[in-house]
Amino acid sequence: MLKRSVLAVLFVLLFSSPALCEKQFVSGKQLLVNCESGVDYAEGNCTGYISGVFDNSPIINKQCLPQNATAGKRVKVVEEYLKEHPERLHTIASVLVQAAINEAFPCK
């Protein structure tokens, strides 16, 4: 019995990694790859990610968006922003989504 317990503990320690416990964030580069992939699943992930950030961001002033700012339009805005700012692609994607939408649709 003790032998099995020791083996179980060793197994857990051997196959667990501190990296697995760290929270992994989506980078701007990862988001751009998904958006441009041409694969339905990845593009859906891109649209869903951008929509999720948009819906949950207190920083984006949604009252300043034109009525034609659909989810598809927001994705295009974010894609363009990411392409225009390759130096920021290492940044957390949610920050870049907020910056892109606020830049494209400023309050006047």
N, C-alpha and C. Protein backbone atom coordinates (compact mmCIF):
# COMPACT_ATOMS: atom_id res chain seq x y z
N MET A 1 0.83 -1.19 0.00
CA MET A 1 0.00 0.00 0.00
C MET A 1 0.87 1.25 0.00
N LEU A 2 1.88 1.27 0.85
CA LEU A 2 2.78 2.42 0.93
C LEU A 2 3.52 2.61 -0.40
N LYS A 3 3.89 1.48 -1.01
CA LYS A 3 4.60 1.54 -2.28
C LYS A 3 3.73 2.20 -3.36
N ARG A 4 2.45 1.87 -3.38
CA ARG A 4 1.53 2.47 -4.36
C ARG A 4 1.36 3.96 -4.11
N SER A 5 1.28 4.35 -2.85
CA SER A 5 1.14 5.77 -2.51
C SER A 5 2.36 6.56 -2.95
N VAL A 6 3.53 5.99 -2.69
CA VAL A 6 4.77 6.66 -3.08
C VAL A 6 4.84 6.78 -4.60
N LEU A 7 4.48 5.72 -5.30
CA LEU A 7 4.48 5.75 -6.76
C LEU A 7 3.48 6.78 -7.29
N ALA A 8 2.33 6.87 -6.67
CA ALA A 8 1.33 7.85 -7.10
C ALA A 8 1.84 9.27 -6.92
N VAL A 9 2.47 9.54 -5.79
CA VAL A 9 3.02 10.88 -5.53
C VAL A 9 4.14 11.18 -6.53
N LEU A 10 5.01 10.22 -6.78
CA LEU A 10 6.09 10.43 -7.74
C LEU A 10 5.54 10.68 -9.14
N PHE A 11 4.52 9.95 -9.51
CA PHE A 11 3.88 10.13 -10.81
C PHE A 11 3.34 11.55 -10.96
N VAL A 12 2.65 12.02 -9.94
CA VAL A 12 2.08 13.37 -9.98
C VAL A 12 3.19 14.40 -10.07
N LEU A 13 4.23 14.25 -9.28
CA LEU A 13 5.34 15.21 -9.29
C LEU A 13 6.10 15.19 -10.61
N LEU A 14 6.26 14.01 -11.16
CA LEU A 14 7.00 13.86 -12.40
C LEU A 14 6.28 14.49 -13.59
N PHE A 15 4.98 14.32 -13.64
CA PHE A 15 4.23 14.77 -14.80
C PHE A 15 3.50 16.11 -14.61
N SER A 16 3.67 16.72 -13.46
CA SER A 16 3.10 18.05 -13.30
C SER A 16 4.19 19.06 -13.57
N SER A 17 3.80 20.17 -14.13
CA SER A 17 4.76 21.19 -14.49
C SER A 17 4.29 22.54 -13.98
N PRO A 18 5.19 23.34 -13.45
CA PRO A 18 4.78 24.68 -13.01
C PRO A 18 4.19 25.49 -14.15
N ALA A 19 4.65 25.26 -15.37
CA ALA A 19 4.14 26.01 -16.52
C ALA A 19 2.65 25.72 -16.74
N LEU A 20 2.21 24.53 -16.40
CA LEU A 20 0.81 24.20 -16.59
C LEU A 20 -0.08 24.96 -15.60
N CYS A 21 0.50 25.37 -14.51
CA CYS A 21 -0.26 26.09 -13.49
C CYS A 21 -0.34 27.58 -13.79
N GLU A 22 0.56 28.08 -14.62
CA GLU A 22 0.56 29.49 -14.95
C GLU A 22 -0.60 29.80 -15.89
N LYS A 23 -1.16 30.97 -15.72
CA LYS A 23 -2.25 31.39 -16.60
C LYS A 23 -1.66 31.81 -17.93
N GLN A 24 -2.16 31.27 -18.99
CA GLN A 24 -1.67 31.59 -20.32
C GLN A 24 -2.60 32.61 -20.97
N PHE A 25 -2.04 33.72 -21.38
CA PHE A 25 -2.83 34.76 -22.03
C PHE A 25 -2.64 34.70 -23.53
N VAL A 26 -3.65 35.13 -24.26
CA VAL A 26 -3.58 35.20 -25.71
C VAL A 26 -2.81 36.47 -26.06
N SER A 27 -1.81 36.34 -26.91
CA SER A 27 -1.04 37.52 -27.34
C SER A 27 -1.70 38.09 -28.60
N GLY A 28 -1.29 39.30 -28.94
CA GLY A 28 -1.77 39.91 -30.17
C GLY A 28 -1.40 39.08 -31.38
N LYS A 29 -0.21 38.49 -31.33
CA LYS A 29 0.24 37.65 -32.45
C LYS A 29 -0.66 36.43 -32.61
N GLN A 30 -0.99 35.78 -31.50
CA GLN A 30 -1.87 34.60 -31.56
C GLN A 30 -3.25 34.99 -32.11
N LEU A 31 -3.75 36.13 -31.66
CA LEU A 31 -5.06 36.58 -32.12
C LEU A 31 -5.03 36.86 -33.61
N LEU A 32 -3.99 37.54 -34.09
CA LEU A 32 -3.89 37.85 -35.52
C LEU A 32 -3.78 36.58 -36.36
N VAL A 33 -3.02 35.61 -35.88
CA VAL A 33 -2.91 34.33 -36.60
C VAL A 33 -4.29 33.68 -36.73
N ASN A 34 -5.06 33.67 -35.64
CA ASN A 34 -6.41 33.11 -35.70
C ASN A 34 -7.30 33.87 -36.67
N CYS A 35 -7.24 35.19 -36.61
CA CYS A 35 -8.11 36.01 -37.45
C CYS A 35 -7.82 35.83 -38.94
N GLU A 36 -6.56 35.60 -39.28
CA GLU A 36 -6.15 35.49 -40.69
C GLU A 36 -6.02 34.06 -41.18
N SER A 37 -6.36 33.10 -40.37
CA SER A 37 -6.04 31.70 -40.67
C SER A 37 -6.80 31.12 -41.87
N GLY A 38 -8.00 31.58 -42.12
CA GLY A 38 -8.80 30.97 -43.17
C GLY A 38 -9.48 29.69 -42.71
N VAL A 39 -9.30 29.33 -41.45
CA VAL A 39 -9.91 28.14 -40.87
C VAL A 39 -11.11 28.59 -40.04
N ASP A 40 -12.27 28.02 -40.32
CA ASP A 40 -13.50 28.46 -39.65
C ASP A 40 -13.39 28.47 -38.14
N TYR A 41 -12.83 27.41 -37.57
CA TYR A 41 -12.73 27.32 -36.11
C TYR A 41 -11.88 28.46 -35.56
N ALA A 42 -10.71 28.69 -36.16
CA ALA A 42 -9.80 29.73 -35.68
C ALA A 42 -10.41 31.12 -35.88
N GLU A 43 -11.05 31.34 -37.02
CA GLU A 43 -11.68 32.63 -37.26
C GLU A 43 -12.85 32.85 -36.30
N GLY A 44 -13.56 31.79 -35.97
CA GLY A 44 -14.62 31.89 -34.97
C GLY A 44 -14.06 32.21 -33.60
N ASN A 45 -12.90 31.63 -33.30
CA ASN A 45 -12.22 31.93 -32.05
C ASN A 45 -11.84 33.41 -32.01
N CYS A 46 -11.35 33.93 -33.12
CA CYS A 46 -10.98 35.34 -33.23
C CYS A 46 -12.20 36.23 -32.98
N THR A 47 -13.28 35.96 -33.68
CA THR A 47 -14.50 36.76 -33.54
C THR A 47 -15.04 36.67 -32.12
N GLY A 48 -15.06 35.48 -31.56
CA GLY A 48 -15.55 35.29 -30.20
C GLY A 48 -14.69 36.00 -29.17
N TYR A 49 -13.38 35.95 -29.37
CA TYR A 49 -12.46 36.62 -28.44
C TYR A 49 -12.70 38.12 -28.46
N ILE A 50 -12.73 38.70 -29.66
CA ILE A 50 -12.92 40.15 -29.80
C ILE A 50 -14.28 40.56 -29.25
N SER A 51 -15.32 39.78 -29.54
CA SER A 51 -16.66 40.10 -29.03
C SER A 51 -16.70 40.00 -27.51
N GLY A 52 -16.01 39.02 -26.95
CA GLY A 52 -15.97 38.86 -25.50
C GLY A 52 -15.28 40.03 -24.82
N VAL A 53 -14.16 40.46 -25.39
CA VAL A 53 -13.46 41.62 -24.83
C VAL A 53 -14.35 42.85 -24.95
N PHE A 54 -14.96 43.03 -26.12
CA PHE A 54 -15.83 44.19 -26.35
C PHE A 54 -16.98 44.21 -25.35
N ASP A 55 -17.64 43.08 -25.19
CA ASP A 55 -18.81 43.00 -24.31
C ASP A 55 -18.46 43.23 -22.84
N ASN A 56 -17.25 42.86 -22.44
CA ASN A 56 -16.89 42.90 -21.02
C ASN A 56 -15.92 44.01 -20.65
N SER A 57 -15.59 44.88 -21.58
CA SER A 57 -14.60 45.92 -21.29
C SER A 57 -15.26 47.19 -20.78
N PRO A 58 -14.86 47.64 -19.59
CA PRO A 58 -15.35 48.92 -19.10
C PRO A 58 -14.59 50.09 -19.74
N ILE A 59 -13.50 49.79 -20.45
CA ILE A 59 -12.67 50.84 -21.05
C ILE A 59 -13.22 51.29 -22.40
N ILE A 60 -13.90 50.40 -23.11
CA ILE A 60 -14.46 50.75 -24.42
C ILE A 60 -15.76 51.52 -24.21
N ASN A 61 -15.81 52.71 -24.78
CA ASN A 61 -17.02 53.53 -24.67
C ASN A 61 -17.96 53.14 -25.81
N LYS A 62 -18.87 52.24 -25.53
CA LYS A 62 -19.75 51.68 -26.55
C LYS A 62 -20.74 52.70 -27.10
N GLN A 63 -21.00 53.77 -26.37
CA GLN A 63 -21.94 54.79 -26.83
C GLN A 63 -21.36 55.58 -28.02
N CYS A 64 -20.04 55.51 -28.22
CA CYS A 64 -19.40 56.28 -29.29
C CYS A 64 -19.34 55.51 -30.61
N LEU A 65 -19.74 54.26 -30.62
CA LEU A 65 -19.67 53.45 -31.84
C LEU A 65 -20.83 53.78 -32.77
N PRO A 66 -20.54 53.82 -34.06
CA PRO A 66 -21.65 54.00 -35.01
C PRO A 66 -22.54 52.77 -35.03
N GLN A 67 -23.74 52.93 -35.50
CA GLN A 67 -24.69 51.81 -35.51
C GLN A 67 -24.24 50.66 -36.41
N ASN A 68 -23.42 50.97 -37.42
CA ASN A 68 -22.98 49.91 -38.33
C ASN A 68 -21.72 49.19 -37.83
N ALA A 69 -21.34 49.40 -36.58
CA ALA A 69 -20.16 48.75 -36.01
C ALA A 69 -20.53 47.34 -35.54
N THR A 70 -20.74 46.46 -36.49
CA THR A 70 -21.11 45.07 -36.20
C THR A 70 -19.90 44.31 -35.67
N ALA A 71 -20.11 43.09 -35.27
CA ALA A 71 -19.01 42.24 -34.80
C ALA A 71 -17.97 42.07 -35.91
N GLY A 72 -18.43 41.90 -37.13
CA GLY A 72 -17.51 41.76 -38.26
C GLY A 72 -16.67 43.01 -38.48
N LYS A 73 -17.27 44.16 -38.33
CA LYS A 73 -16.55 45.43 -38.46
C LYS A 73 -15.51 45.57 -37.36
N ARG A 74 -15.87 45.18 -36.14
CA ARG A 74 -14.92 45.25 -35.03
C ARG A 74 -13.73 44.32 -35.27
N VAL A 75 -13.98 43.15 -35.82
CA VAL A 75 -12.88 42.22 -36.12
C VAL A 75 -11.94 42.84 -37.14
N LYS A 76 -12.50 43.46 -38.19
CA LYS A 76 -11.66 44.10 -39.22
C LYS A 76 -10.82 45.23 -38.61
N VAL A 77 -11.43 46.01 -37.74
CA VAL A 77 -10.72 47.11 -37.07
C VAL A 77 -9.55 46.56 -36.25
N VAL A 78 -9.79 45.50 -35.52
CA VAL A 78 -8.73 44.91 -34.69
C VAL A 78 -7.64 44.31 -35.56
N GLU A 79 -8.01 43.60 -36.62
CA GLU A 79 -7.01 43.03 -37.53
C GLU A 79 -6.11 44.12 -38.11
N GLU A 80 -6.72 45.20 -38.58
CA GLU A 80 -5.95 46.31 -39.15
C GLU A 80 -5.00 46.91 -38.11
N TYR A 81 -5.50 47.08 -36.90
CA TYR A 81 -4.68 47.64 -35.83
C TYR A 81 -3.47 46.75 -35.55
N LEU A 82 -3.70 45.44 -35.48
CA LEU A 82 -2.62 44.50 -35.20
C LEU A 82 -1.57 44.53 -36.31
N LYS A 83 -2.01 44.63 -37.55
CA LYS A 83 -1.08 44.69 -38.69
C LYS A 83 -0.29 45.99 -38.69
N GLU A 84 -0.93 47.08 -38.26
CA GLU A 84 -0.27 48.39 -38.25
C GLU A 84 0.68 48.56 -37.06
N HIS A 85 0.56 47.70 -36.06
CA HIS A 85 1.38 47.81 -34.85
C HIS A 85 2.08 46.49 -34.53
N PRO A 86 2.93 46.00 -35.44
CA PRO A 86 3.59 44.70 -35.18
C PRO A 86 4.48 44.73 -33.94
N GLU A 87 4.93 45.90 -33.56
CA GLU A 87 5.78 46.00 -32.37
C GLU A 87 5.02 45.70 -31.08
N ARG A 88 3.69 45.68 -31.15
CA ARG A 88 2.87 45.43 -29.96
C ARG A 88 2.29 44.02 -29.92
N LEU A 89 2.60 43.19 -30.89
CA LEU A 89 1.98 41.86 -30.98
C LEU A 89 2.29 40.95 -29.80
N HIS A 90 3.32 41.26 -29.04
CA HIS A 90 3.65 40.45 -27.86
C HIS A 90 2.72 40.78 -26.69
N THR A 91 1.98 41.87 -26.80
CA THR A 91 1.10 42.35 -25.73
C THR A 91 -0.13 41.45 -25.61
N ILE A 92 -0.72 41.45 -24.43
CA ILE A 92 -1.96 40.70 -24.20
C ILE A 92 -3.02 41.19 -25.17
N ALA A 93 -3.66 40.27 -25.86
CA ALA A 93 -4.60 40.61 -26.93
C ALA A 93 -5.77 41.47 -26.45
N SER A 94 -6.25 41.25 -25.26
CA SER A 94 -7.40 42.03 -24.78
C SER A 94 -7.08 43.52 -24.70
N VAL A 95 -5.86 43.85 -24.33
CA VAL A 95 -5.42 45.25 -24.28
C VAL A 95 -5.41 45.84 -25.70
N LEU A 96 -4.94 45.06 -26.66
CA LEU A 96 -4.87 45.52 -28.04
C LEU A 96 -6.26 45.68 -28.65
N VAL A 97 -7.17 44.80 -28.31
CA VAL A 97 -8.55 44.91 -28.81
C VAL A 97 -9.17 46.22 -28.32
N GLN A 98 -8.99 46.51 -27.05
CA GLN A 98 -9.53 47.75 -26.49
C GLN A 98 -8.91 48.97 -27.17
N ALA A 99 -7.61 48.95 -27.36
CA ALA A 99 -6.91 50.07 -27.99
C ALA A 99 -7.39 50.26 -29.43
N ALA A 100 -7.54 49.17 -30.15
CA ALA A 100 -7.96 49.24 -31.55
C ALA A 100 -9.36 49.85 -31.68
N ILE A 101 -10.28 49.38 -30.87
CA ILE A 101 -11.66 49.88 -30.97
C ILE A 101 -11.74 51.33 -30.52
N ASN A 102 -11.05 51.67 -29.45
CA ASN A 102 -11.08 53.06 -28.99
C ASN A 102 -10.44 54.02 -29.99
N GLU A 103 -9.39 53.55 -30.68
CA GLU A 103 -8.73 54.39 -31.70
C GLU A 103 -9.62 54.55 -32.92
N ALA A 104 -10.27 53.48 -33.34
CA ALA A 104 -11.10 53.53 -34.54
C ALA A 104 -12.41 54.28 -34.35
N PHE A 105 -12.93 54.25 -33.13
CA PHE A 105 -14.22 54.88 -32.85
C PHE A 105 -14.10 55.84 -31.66
N PRO A 106 -13.35 56.92 -31.82
CA PRO A 106 -13.20 57.85 -30.70
C PRO A 106 -14.50 58.62 -30.45
N CYS A 107 -14.71 59.01 -29.21
CA CYS A 107 -15.84 59.86 -28.89
C CYS A 107 -15.55 61.26 -29.39
N LYS A 108 -16.56 61.88 -29.97
CA LYS A 108 -16.36 63.24 -30.50
C LYS A 108 -17.11 64.25 -29.70
